Amino acid sequence: MKRKLFTALAAALLGLATSGHAAFDKGGVLGVGARPMGMGGAFVAIADSSDATFWNPAGMVQMPQMELSAFFGPLLNGKEYYMDGAFVMPFMEQTAIGLSVVSLYHDTGQTDTNAYENQYIASFATPLNVEKTVSIGVNLKFMQYTSGASASYVDANGNTQTILAQAGAIGLDLGALYQVLLPSWGKKVNFGMLCQDLDTTLRWQAGVEEQIPLMLQFGVAYYPEENLVFTFDAAFFNDQNISGEPLNTPLYDTYSDTTITSLAPAEFRPHVGIEGWFFNGHLGLRTGYTGFATTPDMFTGGVSYKQDWYGVDYAYMGHAEHLGDSHRLSGHIDFGGSSERPRVVALVNPPTNLGARPNNNSVQLQWEINPDPHVTGYTVYMSKASGANYVPIQKRIKENRVIIDGLTNGQRYFFVVTSVNNSWPSVESNYSQEVSVVPAPQIPTAPGMGGAAAPAQAMASGEINVKGWAAPAGSVAGYNLYMSDTSGSGYKKVNDTPVTSLSFLVQGLEINKRYFFVLTSLTNDSPPVESRPSQEWSVLSMASSALPSNPPSPK
């Protein structure tokens, strides 16, 4: 009888303390961070901020520097207030640690029954491989429930005893994150998992024990590009404190001596989110969807503004009828290191056998093709000092050679090349070996004047067809033909544009006058480099009736 009385008192006390709200339940309105909540709570596979201490501690290894954040959200028409403060710090380059406090305040309208749910969380995360594509994390939590409610009873000795509505528990969360590069697509996919409240028992001062429901949440996030993500989470748990589907006719359970007014809630809760960043990553927009007892088929939305060292986030959430909408606000400060978020590292080998050839105001570089099938391009870096101050001048080159124009002849330049794969984000190799080169004009060879054929022939009155010279070795853009009426001097170019064939017709000449010619070769440079003049030869311009049957020979 005494035991039944004690149990009844304890049950009455707990009911008064919670006023219909069970401690540490998994209600659909809960979740820290305005950014995750703006995506409908789909954050397990992203977890790239200090909110990871709540959503997936394994994600903390993605953070490049220390971050301090705060979150505030009034819930259910101001009857509850949800707050969070978190601090995350990269530790020893390969791990991360975090501390956070999550507090839920219940305003019952009566000062002596208002309640607090506090969670004090210590987090740790570490990668499992060099590339940091696989990581795990753990949360160790102390959970405390405090209320002004109390109940009294008289013990067997006639003494009045008071039971306070206070409880505590030690909790454990486990998280995992797997980041998959998709070289064939040039994208990235994250897979995340969270096991929240593993075998966590809440012990009340009244002696009653309450099992906090275990929640398993799985997530996948697809990044079609660096500033855009689509994510989906599936949460599974069974929280008897949250109403399921109401029954039209209540059922009476004789075994437990209770009346059942609703079925057990569905164990599955979906979360869907989309997030995009614009204006160089300063403005973030997102929306989401979640379906659950307190958020049935409701959409969420949010906006963020971010600078290098701070950011603010806002989220709107719709709830079931009569529960009111809620607004979430959070902010963070980054400090103590680089503001660049570390990227997933895939090992890529640099190009080999880099060589350089000087040209006129340009340099031609060539290297061995990287055999890695995931390598889809190369980046060329240049500097005027050996081993330092490299600047990328050509990106995503598909071929294993390139010509760098606009250089200064006589100036020494230093070059290195990297391999780039098509993962998300793109991963770049280390530098290749360095080469140096000094651009200078490459003097082409003069056209060949040897052989049996003459380089010129009189064609008709006042015309000479210059032809029959031999093309020099190597590639040339064309030729210039120079003419004079004096041997060895006074040459003038007769062609307006480079001659691209091995002949040129000179017209408008005087009859019975000897003319002297030389040829030069031109390179493909801009401006072209001209060779030295060829051997001089002469031709007598004659009337057509006086043309010889055999062409003249060079002088």
Protein backbone atom coordinates (compact mmCIF):
# COMPACT_ATOMS: atom_id res chain seq x y z
CA MET A 1 0.00 0.00 0.00
CA LYS A 2 2.80 2.42 0.94
CA ARG A 3 4.62 1.58 -2.25
CA LYS A 4 1.50 2.32 -4.31
CA LEU A 5 1.05 5.61 -2.47
CA PHE A 6 4.66 6.60 -3.09
CA THR A 7 4.39 5.72 -6.76
CA ALA A 8 1.19 7.69 -7.10
CA LEU A 9 2.76 10.71 -5.46
CA ALA A 10 5.78 10.46 -7.70
CA ALA A 11 3.62 10.16 -10.78
CA ALA A 12 1.55 13.16 -9.71
CA LEU A 13 4.71 15.15 -9.09
CA LEU A 14 6.12 14.34 -12.50
CA GLY A 15 2.87 15.24 -14.15
CA LEU A 16 2.80 18.57 -12.32
CA ALA A 17 6.43 19.28 -13.11
CA THR A 18 6.15 18.62 -16.79
CA SER A 19 2.58 19.94 -17.23
CA GLY A 20 2.00 17.51 -20.02
CA HIS A 21 5.55 17.81 -21.44
CA ALA A 22 7.90 14.90 -20.87
CA ALA A 23 11.58 15.63 -20.25
CA PHE A 24 14.05 15.38 -23.13
CA ASP A 25 11.54 14.11 -25.66
CA LYS A 26 12.12 14.11 -29.40
CA GLY A 27 9.47 16.62 -30.39
CA GLY A 28 9.51 17.89 -33.93
CA VAL A 29 10.02 21.51 -32.84
CA LEU A 30 13.43 20.86 -31.24
CA GLY A 31 16.84 21.25 -32.83
CA VAL A 32 19.55 23.87 -32.42
CA GLY A 33 20.87 26.36 -34.97
CA ALA A 34 18.83 28.55 -37.28
CA ARG A 35 20.74 27.27 -40.31
CA PRO A 36 19.94 23.56 -39.76
CA MET A 37 16.33 24.33 -38.82
CA GLY A 38 15.91 26.45 -41.95
CA MET A 39 16.69 23.26 -43.89
CA GLY A 40 13.99 21.32 -42.07
CA GLY A 41 16.48 19.75 -39.66
CA ALA A 42 18.31 17.92 -42.46
CA PHE A 43 21.86 18.53 -41.25
CA VAL A 44 23.37 15.19 -40.22
CA ALA A 45 25.26 14.79 -43.51
CA ILE A 46 26.43 18.45 -43.57
CA ALA A 47 27.46 19.24 -39.97
CA ASP A 48 30.12 21.76 -41.00
CA SER A 49 29.64 24.34 -38.20
CA SER A 50 29.56 24.42 -34.40
CA ASP A 51 25.97 23.13 -34.63
CA ALA A 52 27.65 19.76 -35.31
CA THR A 53 27.90 19.25 -31.54
CA PHE A 54 24.14 18.63 -31.62
CA TRP A 55 23.55 17.18 -35.11
CA ASN A 56 26.63 15.07 -35.78
CA PRO A 57 29.87 15.52 -33.80
CA ALA A 58 31.86 13.75 -36.56
CA GLY A 59 31.40 16.83 -38.74
CA MET A 60 33.59 18.99 -36.49
CA VAL A 61 36.71 17.80 -38.35
CA GLN A 62 35.56 19.95 -41.31
CA MET A 63 35.98 23.17 -39.35
CA PRO A 64 39.16 25.16 -40.13
CA GLN A 65 39.22 27.34 -37.02
CA MET A 66 37.63 27.95 -33.66
CA GLU A 67 33.98 28.95 -33.67
CA LEU A 68 31.74 30.32 -30.94
CA SER A 69 27.99 30.31 -31.58
CA ALA A 70 24.73 31.12 -29.84
CA PHE A 71 21.14 30.17 -30.69
CA PHE A 72 17.73 31.32 -29.46
CA GLY A 73 14.24 30.18 -30.42
CA PRO A 74 10.86 30.85 -28.80
CA LEU A 75 8.53 27.88 -29.30
CA LEU A 76 4.81 27.16 -29.17
CA ASN A 77 3.53 30.72 -28.88
CA GLY A 78 6.17 31.63 -26.30
CA LYS A 79 5.41 28.77 -23.92
CA GLU A 80 8.92 27.41 -24.36
CA TYR A 81 12.31 28.86 -25.14
CA TYR A 82 15.11 26.83 -26.69
CA MET A 83 18.71 28.09 -26.35
CA ASP A 84 22.16 26.83 -27.18
CA GLY A 85 25.74 28.00 -26.85
CA ALA A 86 28.61 26.08 -28.48
CA PHE A 87 32.36 26.33 -28.86
CA VAL A 88 34.35 24.14 -31.27
CA MET A 89 38.11 24.10 -31.71
CA PRO A 90 40.32 22.13 -34.13
CA PHE A 91 42.79 20.24 -31.98
CA MET A 92 46.26 18.93 -32.93
CA GLU A 93 45.45 19.39 -36.65
CA GLN A 94 43.74 16.01 -36.98
CA THR A 95 40.96 16.20 -34.35
CA ALA A 96 38.37 18.62 -33.00
CA ILE A 97 36.80 19.18 -29.61
CA GLY A 98 33.65 21.02 -28.63
CA LEU A 99 31.69 22.22 -25.63
CA SER A 100 28.03 23.17 -25.72
CA VAL A 101 25.06 23.86 -23.48
CA VAL A 102 21.50 23.25 -24.67
CA SER A 103 18.67 24.61 -22.55
CA LEU A 104 14.89 24.26 -22.92
CA TYR A 105 12.75 26.46 -20.66
CA HIS A 106 9.11 25.55 -19.99
CA ASP A 107 6.90 28.47 -19.05
CA THR A 108 3.86 26.94 -17.39
CA GLY A 109 2.44 30.25 -16.29
CA GLN A 110 3.07 29.40 -12.64
CA THR A 111 6.37 30.38 -11.09
CA ASP A 112 6.56 27.35 -8.84
CA THR A 113 6.22 24.88 -11.72
CA ASN A 114 8.41 26.44 -14.45
CA ALA A 115 11.04 23.94 -15.57
CA TYR A 116 14.45 23.79 -17.24
CA GLU A 117 15.99 21.00 -19.31
CA ASN A 118 19.74 21.46 -19.59
CA GLN A 119 22.25 19.41 -21.52
CA TYR A 120 25.97 19.94 -20.95
CA ILE A 121 27.81 18.35 -23.87
CA ALA A 122 31.50 17.58 -24.42
CA SER A 123 32.27 16.56 -28.00
CA PHE A 124 35.24 14.94 -29.72
CA ALA A 125 35.83 14.07 -33.39
CA THR A 126 38.67 12.57 -35.40
CA PRO A 127 39.20 11.46 -39.01
CA LEU A 128 39.93 7.82 -39.75
CA ASN A 129 42.03 8.33 -42.88
CA VAL A 130 44.61 10.75 -44.25
CA GLU A 131 42.20 12.25 -46.76
CA LYS A 132 39.71 13.07 -43.94
CA THR A 133 36.87 11.56 -45.95
CA VAL A 134 35.83 9.33 -43.05
CA SER A 135 35.38 10.69 -39.52
CA ILE A 136 33.68 9.71 -36.30
CA GLY A 137 32.55 11.76 -33.30
CA VAL A 138 31.19 11.27 -29.84
CA ASN A 139 29.16 13.39 -27.40
CA LEU A 140 29.28 12.82 -23.66
CA LYS A 141 26.31 14.56 -22.06
CA PHE A 142 25.10 15.37 -18.59
CA MET A 143 21.35 15.94 -18.69
CA GLN A 144 19.57 17.77 -15.91
CA TYR A 145 15.87 18.52 -15.35
CA THR A 146 14.92 21.11 -12.73
CA SER A 147 11.46 22.37 -11.72
CA GLY A 148 9.97 24.28 -8.80
CA ALA A 149 7.23 21.67 -8.48
CA SER A 150 7.21 19.43 -5.42
CA ALA A 151 4.97 16.91 -3.63
CA SER A 152 4.83 15.88 -0.01
CA TYR A 153 3.89 12.68 1.80
CA VAL A 154 4.10 11.22 5.33
CA ASP A 155 6.48 8.32 5.75
CA ALA A 156 6.08 5.31 8.03
CA ASN A 157 7.59 7.23 10.94
CA GLY A 158 5.07 10.02 10.63
CA ASN A 159 7.59 12.45 9.14
CA THR A 160 6.64 14.67 6.22
CA GLN A 161 8.86 14.10 3.19
CA THR A 162 9.12 16.37 0.13
CA ILE A 163 9.88 15.12 -3.34
CA LEU A 164 11.33 17.64 -5.80
CA ALA A 165 10.83 17.46 -9.55
CA GLN A 166 14.50 17.00 -10.36
CA ALA A 167 16.25 14.42 -12.49
CA GLY A 168 19.59 13.70 -14.07
CA ALA A 169 21.19 11.39 -16.60
CA ILE A 170 24.45 10.64 -18.37
CA GLY A 171 23.99 10.41 -22.12
CA LEU A 172 26.06 9.34 -25.08
CA ASP A 173 25.78 10.22 -28.78
CA LEU A 174 27.77 8.70 -31.63
CA GLY A 175 28.17 10.23 -35.09
CA ALA A 176 29.86 9.31 -38.36
CA LEU A 177 30.50 11.19 -41.60
CA TYR A 178 31.63 9.78 -44.94
CA GLN A 179 32.50 12.19 -47.75
CA VAL A 180 32.55 10.60 -51.20
CA LEU A 181 34.22 12.22 -54.21
CA LEU A 182 32.58 11.48 -57.55
CA PRO A 183 35.31 12.05 -60.15
CA SER A 184 33.12 10.97 -63.06
CA TRP A 185 30.52 13.60 -62.12
CA GLY A 186 32.81 16.25 -60.67
CA LYS A 187 30.61 16.38 -57.55
CA LYS A 188 30.55 15.29 -53.91
CA VAL A 189 28.15 13.28 -51.74
CA ASN A 190 28.19 13.13 -47.94
CA PHE A 191 26.69 10.36 -45.84
CA GLY A 192 26.04 11.01 -42.16
CA MET A 193 24.72 9.04 -39.20
CA LEU A 194 23.77 10.02 -35.66
CA CYS A 195 22.88 7.72 -32.76
CA GLN A 196 21.46 10.03 -30.10
CA ASP A 197 20.95 9.03 -26.45
CA LEU A 198 22.38 5.53 -26.45
CA ASP A 199 20.94 3.68 -23.42
CA THR A 200 20.25 6.93 -21.54
CA THR A 201 18.17 6.60 -18.36
CA LEU A 202 16.77 9.67 -16.62
CA ARG A 203 16.57 9.16 -12.84
CA TRP A 204 14.10 11.26 -10.92
CA GLN A 205 14.54 12.22 -7.27
CA ALA A 206 11.29 10.40 -6.59
CA GLY A 207 13.01 7.15 -7.53
CA VAL A 208 11.31 6.77 -10.88
CA GLU A 209 13.46 5.94 -13.89
CA GLU A 210 12.56 7.08 -17.41
CA GLN A 211 14.22 5.85 -20.58
CA ILE A 212 15.04 8.65 -23.01
CA PRO A 213 14.20 7.40 -26.49
CA LEU A 214 17.08 6.39 -28.74
CA MET A 215 17.05 8.21 -32.06
CA LEU A 216 18.81 7.02 -35.20
CA GLN A 217 19.18 9.63 -37.91
CA PHE A 218 20.69 8.97 -41.31
CA GLY A 219 21.42 11.65 -43.87
CA VAL A 220 22.73 12.15 -47.38
CA ALA A 221 23.87 15.48 -48.86
CA TYR A 222 24.57 16.02 -52.54
CA TYR A 223 26.73 18.96 -53.66
CA PRO A 224 26.31 19.66 -57.39
CA GLU A 225 28.66 22.58 -56.81
CA GLU A 226 30.53 24.04 -53.87
CA ASN A 227 27.88 26.60 -52.90
CA LEU A 228 24.78 24.44 -53.41
CA VAL A 229 23.59 21.38 -51.48
CA PHE A 230 20.53 19.14 -51.49
CA THR A 231 20.09 17.04 -48.36
CA PHE A 232 17.72 14.41 -46.99
CA ASP A 233 17.59 12.94 -43.47
CA ALA A 234 15.55 10.06 -42.11
CA ALA A 235 15.08 9.89 -38.31
CA PHE A 236 13.80 6.78 -36.53
CA PHE A 237 12.70 6.70 -32.89
CA ASN A 238 9.75 5.81 -30.67
CA ASP A 239 8.87 8.52 -28.17
CA GLN A 240 5.73 7.60 -26.27
CA ASN A 241 5.54 11.13 -24.90
CA ILE A 242 4.53 12.47 -28.30
CA SER A 243 0.98 11.79 -29.36
CA GLY A 244 0.35 9.53 -32.27
CA GLU A 245 -2.85 9.20 -34.24
CA PRO A 246 -5.92 9.84 -31.99
CA LEU A 247 -8.43 7.03 -31.63
CA ASN A 248 -12.13 7.70 -32.23
CA THR A 249 -12.96 5.23 -29.47
CA PRO A 250 -10.50 5.08 -26.55
CA LEU A 251 -9.23 1.64 -25.58
CA TYR A 252 -8.92 0.35 -22.01
CA ASP A 253 -5.83 -1.68 -21.15
CA THR A 254 -6.64 -3.95 -18.22
CA TYR A 255 -3.02 -5.03 -17.83
CA SER A 256 -1.70 -1.51 -17.19
CA ASP A 257 -5.03 -0.17 -15.87
CA THR A 258 -4.84 2.74 -18.35
CA THR A 259 -7.01 4.20 -21.08
CA ILE A 260 -5.39 4.45 -24.49
CA THR A 261 -6.56 7.52 -26.39
CA SER A 262 -4.09 7.37 -29.30
CA LEU A 263 -1.86 4.98 -31.14
CA ALA A 264 1.93 5.02 -30.80
CA PRO A 265 3.47 7.74 -32.94
CA ALA A 266 5.12 6.91 -36.22
CA GLU A 267 8.79 6.12 -35.72
CA PHE A 268 9.88 7.68 -39.02
CA ARG A 269 10.41 11.42 -39.47
CA PRO A 270 11.64 12.77 -42.84
CA HIS A 271 13.70 15.92 -43.28
CA VAL A 272 14.49 17.58 -46.62
CA GLY A 273 16.60 20.69 -47.17
CA ILE A 274 18.14 22.85 -49.90
CA GLU A 275 20.80 25.51 -49.33
CA GLY A 276 22.58 27.91 -51.69
CA TRP A 277 25.20 30.59 -51.12
CA PHE A 278 25.44 33.69 -53.29
CA PHE A 279 27.56 36.85 -53.68
CA ASN A 280 30.86 35.07 -53.03
CA GLY A 281 29.42 33.10 -50.15
CA HIS A 282 28.12 36.06 -48.15
CA LEU A 283 24.36 35.48 -48.59
CA GLY A 284 22.80 32.11 -47.82
CA LEU A 285 19.24 31.09 -48.69
CA ARG A 286 17.59 27.81 -47.73
CA THR A 287 14.32 26.00 -47.42
CA GLY A 288 13.23 22.67 -46.02
CA TYR A 289 10.45 20.26 -45.23
CA THR A 290 9.69 18.02 -42.28
CA GLY A 291 6.80 15.74 -41.45
CA PHE A 292 6.03 14.79 -37.85
CA ALA A 293 3.36 14.96 -35.16
CA THR A 294 4.15 18.56 -34.22
CA THR A 295 5.29 19.58 -37.70
CA PRO A 296 3.01 17.71 -40.12
CA ASP A 297 3.94 18.44 -43.73
CA MET A 298 5.40 21.80 -42.80
CA PHE A 299 7.92 23.86 -44.74
CA THR A 300 10.77 25.89 -43.32
CA GLY A 301 12.90 28.71 -44.65
CA GLY A 302 15.95 30.66 -43.69
CA VAL A 303 18.50 33.29 -44.63
CA SER A 304 22.10 33.94 -43.57
CA TYR A 305 24.61 36.73 -43.85
CA LYS A 306 28.25 35.77 -43.46
CA GLN A 307 31.59 37.55 -43.42
CA ASP A 308 35.06 36.07 -42.93
CA TRP A 309 34.89 36.09 -39.16
CA TYR A 310 31.19 36.22 -38.24
CA GLY A 311 27.72 35.30 -39.46
CA VAL A 312 24.05 35.53 -38.48
CA ASP A 313 21.25 33.11 -39.39
CA TYR A 314 17.45 33.28 -39.27
CA ALA A 315 14.92 30.48 -39.74
CA TYR A 316 11.13 30.28 -39.90
CA MET A 317 9.26 27.10 -39.01
CA GLY A 318 5.61 26.26 -39.42
CA HIS A 319 3.89 23.97 -36.92
CA ALA A 320 0.63 22.13 -36.52
CA GLU A 321 -2.61 24.02 -35.99
CA HIS A 322 -2.85 25.98 -32.74
CA LEU A 323 0.85 25.49 -31.96
CA GLY A 324 1.86 28.72 -33.69
CA ASP A 325 4.84 29.35 -35.92
CA SER A 326 8.33 29.78 -34.54
CA HIS A 327 11.34 31.88 -35.44
CA ARG A 328 14.95 30.92 -34.79
CA LEU A 329 17.97 33.21 -34.61
CA SER A 330 21.62 32.28 -34.25
CA GLY A 331 25.02 33.81 -34.78
CA HIS A 332 28.65 32.74 -34.73
CA ILE A 333 32.14 34.21 -34.48
CA ASP A 334 35.19 32.55 -36.05
CA PHE A 335 38.70 33.20 -34.79
CA GLY A 336 42.11 31.72 -34.21
CA GLY A 337 43.11 30.51 -37.67
CA SER A 338 42.53 30.41 -41.38
CA SER A 339 39.09 31.38 -42.60
CA GLU A 340 39.31 28.87 -45.45
CA ARG A 341 37.27 25.75 -44.86
CA PRO A 342 39.43 22.65 -45.35
CA ARG A 343 38.45 20.56 -48.32
CA VAL A 344 38.36 16.86 -48.76
CA VAL A 345 41.81 15.80 -49.87
CA ALA A 346 42.37 13.26 -52.62
CA LEU A 347 45.96 12.36 -53.41
CA VAL A 348 46.95 13.59 -56.89
CA ASN A 349 50.44 13.25 -58.33
CA PRO A 350 52.11 16.28 -59.96
CA PRO A 351 53.15 16.28 -63.61
CA THR A 352 56.62 14.94 -64.45
CA ASN A 353 59.36 15.84 -66.95
CA LEU A 354 58.41 19.50 -67.24
CA GLY A 355 60.43 21.19 -69.98
CA ALA A 356 60.55 24.73 -71.37
CA ARG A 357 61.64 26.21 -74.71
CA PRO A 358 62.20 29.95 -75.18
CA ASN A 359 60.52 31.81 -78.02
CA ASN A 360 60.23 35.44 -78.98
CA ASN A 361 58.37 37.11 -76.05
CA SER A 362 56.96 33.72 -75.15
CA VAL A 363 57.76 30.32 -73.66
CA GLN A 364 56.54 26.89 -74.65
CA LEU A 365 56.05 24.41 -71.78
CA GLN A 366 55.49 20.68 -72.10
CA TRP A 367 55.22 17.81 -69.60
CA GLU A 368 54.26 14.14 -69.37
CA ILE A 369 50.53 13.33 -69.35
CA ASN A 370 49.33 12.31 -65.87
CA PRO A 371 48.07 8.69 -66.16
CA ASP A 372 45.50 9.16 -63.36
CA PRO A 373 42.07 8.90 -65.10
CA HIS A 374 40.59 11.37 -62.59
CA VAL A 375 43.00 14.12 -63.66
CA THR A 376 41.24 16.30 -66.20
CA GLY A 377 43.45 19.35 -66.36
CA TYR A 378 46.58 21.19 -65.33
CA THR A 379 47.38 24.58 -63.78
CA VAL A 380 50.52 26.52 -64.73
CA TYR A 381 52.18 28.82 -62.18
CA MET A 382 54.82 31.46 -62.96
CA SER A 383 57.20 33.53 -60.87
CA LYS A 384 60.18 35.83 -61.38
CA ALA A 385 61.91 34.32 -58.35
CA SER A 386 62.93 30.72 -57.87
CA GLY A 387 60.78 28.70 -55.45
CA ALA A 388 58.43 31.47 -54.33
CA ASN A 389 55.61 33.85 -55.25
CA TYR A 390 54.06 31.58 -57.86
CA VAL A 391 50.99 33.02 -59.58
CA PRO A 392 48.51 30.84 -61.53
CA ILE A 393 48.47 32.05 -65.14
CA GLN A 394 46.74 29.15 -66.93
CA LYS A 395 44.01 27.01 -65.29
CA ARG A 396 42.27 23.79 -66.31
CA ILE A 397 44.52 23.23 -69.34
CA LYS A 398 43.38 20.05 -71.08
CA GLU A 399 46.58 19.39 -73.06
CA ASN A 400 50.04 18.65 -71.67
CA ARG A 401 51.57 21.68 -73.40
CA VAL A 402 50.98 25.41 -73.47
CA ILE A 403 52.52 28.59 -74.90
CA ILE A 404 52.79 31.51 -72.50
CA ASP A 405 52.75 34.81 -74.43
CA GLY A 406 53.36 38.42 -73.44
CA LEU A 407 56.71 37.85 -71.76
CA THR A 408 59.74 40.11 -71.90
CA ASN A 409 62.75 38.98 -73.85
CA GLY A 410 65.83 38.74 -71.66
CA GLN A 411 63.85 38.30 -68.39
CA ARG A 412 64.21 34.95 -66.60
CA TYR A 413 60.95 33.27 -65.61
CA PHE A 414 60.30 30.27 -63.34
CA PHE A 415 57.47 27.80 -63.93
CA VAL A 416 55.79 24.88 -62.13
CA VAL A 417 52.71 22.87 -63.11
CA THR A 418 50.09 21.01 -61.02
CA SER A 419 47.60 18.27 -61.85
CA VAL A 420 43.91 18.95 -61.13
CA ASN A 421 41.23 16.27 -60.78
CA ASN A 422 37.50 16.62 -61.35
CA SER A 423 36.27 15.91 -57.83
CA TRP A 424 34.27 18.32 -55.70
CA PRO A 425 35.90 20.55 -54.73
CA SER A 426 38.63 20.08 -57.31
CA VAL A 427 41.83 18.73 -55.80
CA GLU A 428 45.22 20.01 -56.92
CA SER A 429 48.54 18.18 -56.68
CA ASN A 430 51.78 19.53 -55.33
CA TYR A 431 54.02 21.54 -57.65
CA SER A 432 56.05 19.78 -60.30
CA GLN A 433 59.78 20.32 -60.47
CA GLU A 434 60.65 23.92 -61.34
CA VAL A 435 62.03 25.01 -64.71
CA SER A 436 63.41 28.40 -65.67
CA VAL A 437 63.76 29.98 -69.09
CA VAL A 438 64.64 33.31 -70.71
CA PRO A 439 62.46 34.29 -73.70
CA ALA A 440 64.43 35.41 -76.75
CA PRO A 441 63.84 35.67 -80.49
CA GLN A 442 64.39 32.41 -82.31
CA ILE A 443 66.08 33.40 -85.60
CA PRO A 444 64.67 31.21 -88.38
CA THR A 445 66.77 29.76 -91.18
CA ALA A 446 66.86 31.66 -94.45
CA PRO A 447 65.16 30.04 -97.43
CA GLY A 448 67.39 27.60 -99.32
CA MET A 449 68.80 28.83 -102.63
CA GLY A 450 70.64 25.69 -103.68
CA GLY A 451 69.61 23.04 -106.19
CA ALA A 452 69.28 22.98 -109.96
CA ALA A 453 66.14 25.13 -110.12
CA ALA A 454 66.63 28.89 -110.35
CA PRO A 455 64.89 31.09 -107.75
CA ALA A 456 63.52 33.47 -110.36
CA GLN A 457 62.30 33.49 -113.95
CA ALA A 458 61.31 36.29 -116.32
CA MET A 459 57.73 35.70 -117.34
CA ALA A 460 56.65 38.49 -119.66
CA SER A 461 57.24 42.16 -120.40
CA GLY A 462 57.76 43.96 -117.06
CA GLU A 463 57.14 40.81 -114.93
CA ILE A 464 59.36 38.41 -113.00
CA ASN A 465 58.00 35.26 -111.32
CA VAL A 466 60.19 34.59 -108.29
CA LYS A 467 59.94 30.90 -107.50
CA GLY A 468 61.81 27.71 -106.83
CA TRP A 469 63.40 28.36 -103.45
CA ALA A 470 63.61 25.62 -100.82
CA ALA A 471 61.58 25.96 -97.58
CA PRO A 472 63.83 26.01 -94.49
CA ALA A 473 63.65 23.36 -91.80
CA GLY A 474 61.05 23.95 -89.11
CA SER A 475 57.76 25.78 -89.15
CA VAL A 476 57.58 29.23 -90.74
CA ALA A 477 54.67 31.62 -91.18
CA GLY A 478 55.82 32.84 -94.60
CA TYR A 479 58.45 34.81 -96.49
CA ASN A 480 59.40 38.38 -97.38
CA LEU A 481 60.81 39.23 -100.81
CA TYR A 482 63.13 42.22 -101.15
CA MET A 483 64.21 43.85 -104.44
CA SER A 484 66.77 46.48 -105.48
CA ASP A 485 68.26 47.83 -108.71
CA THR A 486 71.67 47.97 -107.02
CA SER A 487 73.56 44.88 -105.91
CA GLY A 488 74.01 44.59 -102.14
CA SER A 489 72.00 47.62 -101.06
CA GLY A 490 68.78 49.56 -101.41
CA TYR A 491 66.45 46.58 -100.94
CA LYS A 492 62.72 47.27 -100.57
CA LYS A 493 60.04 44.73 -99.66
CA VAL A 494 57.73 44.00 -102.56
CA ASN A 495 55.04 41.91 -100.79
CA ASP A 496 52.39 43.59 -98.56
CA THR A 497 51.71 40.45 -96.54
CA PRO A 498 53.93 37.43 -95.91
CA VAL A 499 54.24 35.13 -98.92
CA THR A 500 52.83 31.76 -97.88
CA SER A 501 53.74 29.81 -101.03
CA LEU A 502 57.06 29.16 -102.74
CA SER A 503 56.50 31.72 -105.54
CA PHE A 504 55.69 35.39 -105.97
CA LEU A 505 54.95 37.44 -109.12
CA VAL A 506 56.68 40.85 -109.32
CA GLN A 507 55.04 43.24 -111.78
CA GLY A 508 55.55 46.78 -113.13
CA LEU A 509 59.27 46.46 -113.87
CA GLU A 510 61.33 48.33 -116.48
CA ILE A 511 62.28 46.46 -119.61
CA ASN A 512 65.96 45.56 -120.09
CA LYS A 513 66.82 46.41 -116.50
CA ARG A 514 68.52 44.06 -114.02
CA TYR A 515 66.97 43.61 -110.60
CA PHE A 516 68.51 42.09 -107.49
CA PHE A 517 66.51 39.95 -104.98
CA VAL A 518 66.85 38.41 -101.50
CA LEU A 519 64.38 36.30 -99.42
CA THR A 520 63.78 36.03 -95.68
CA SER A 521 61.75 33.57 -93.56
CA LEU A 522 59.22 34.64 -90.92
CA THR A 523 58.31 32.85 -87.67
CA ASN A 524 54.83 32.43 -86.20
CA ASP A 525 55.59 34.86 -83.37
CA SER A 526 53.70 38.11 -82.89
CA PRO A 527 55.36 40.21 -84.12
CA PRO A 528 57.13 37.64 -86.32
CA VAL A 529 60.88 37.18 -86.18
CA GLU A 530 62.64 37.49 -89.54
CA SER A 531 65.61 35.45 -90.71
CA ARG A 532 68.79 36.80 -92.22
CA PRO A 533 68.60 37.49 -95.97
CA SER A 534 69.21 34.68 -98.38
CA GLN A 535 71.90 34.67 -101.04
CA GLU A 536 71.36 37.51 -103.53
CA TRP A 537 70.41 36.75 -107.14
CA SER A 538 69.61 38.94 -110.10
CA VAL A 539 67.20 38.77 -113.03
CA LEU A 540 67.07 40.88 -116.19
CA SER A 541 63.61 42.19 -116.99
CA MET A 542 63.06 41.70 -120.69
CA ALA A 543 60.40 42.05 -123.31
CA SER A 544 58.41 38.88 -123.94
CA SER A 545 59.96 38.45 -127.40
CA ALA A 546 63.44 38.36 -125.89
CA LEU A 547 62.72 35.79 -123.15
CA PRO A 548 65.32 33.00 -123.08
CA SER A 549 64.34 29.36 -123.30
CA ASN A 550 66.30 28.58 -120.11
CA PRO A 551 66.01 30.59 -116.85
CA PRO A 552 69.01 32.56 -115.58
CA SER A 553 71.16 31.31 -112.78
CA PRO A 554 71.79 33.05 -109.48
CA LYS A 555 74.54 35.62 -109.48
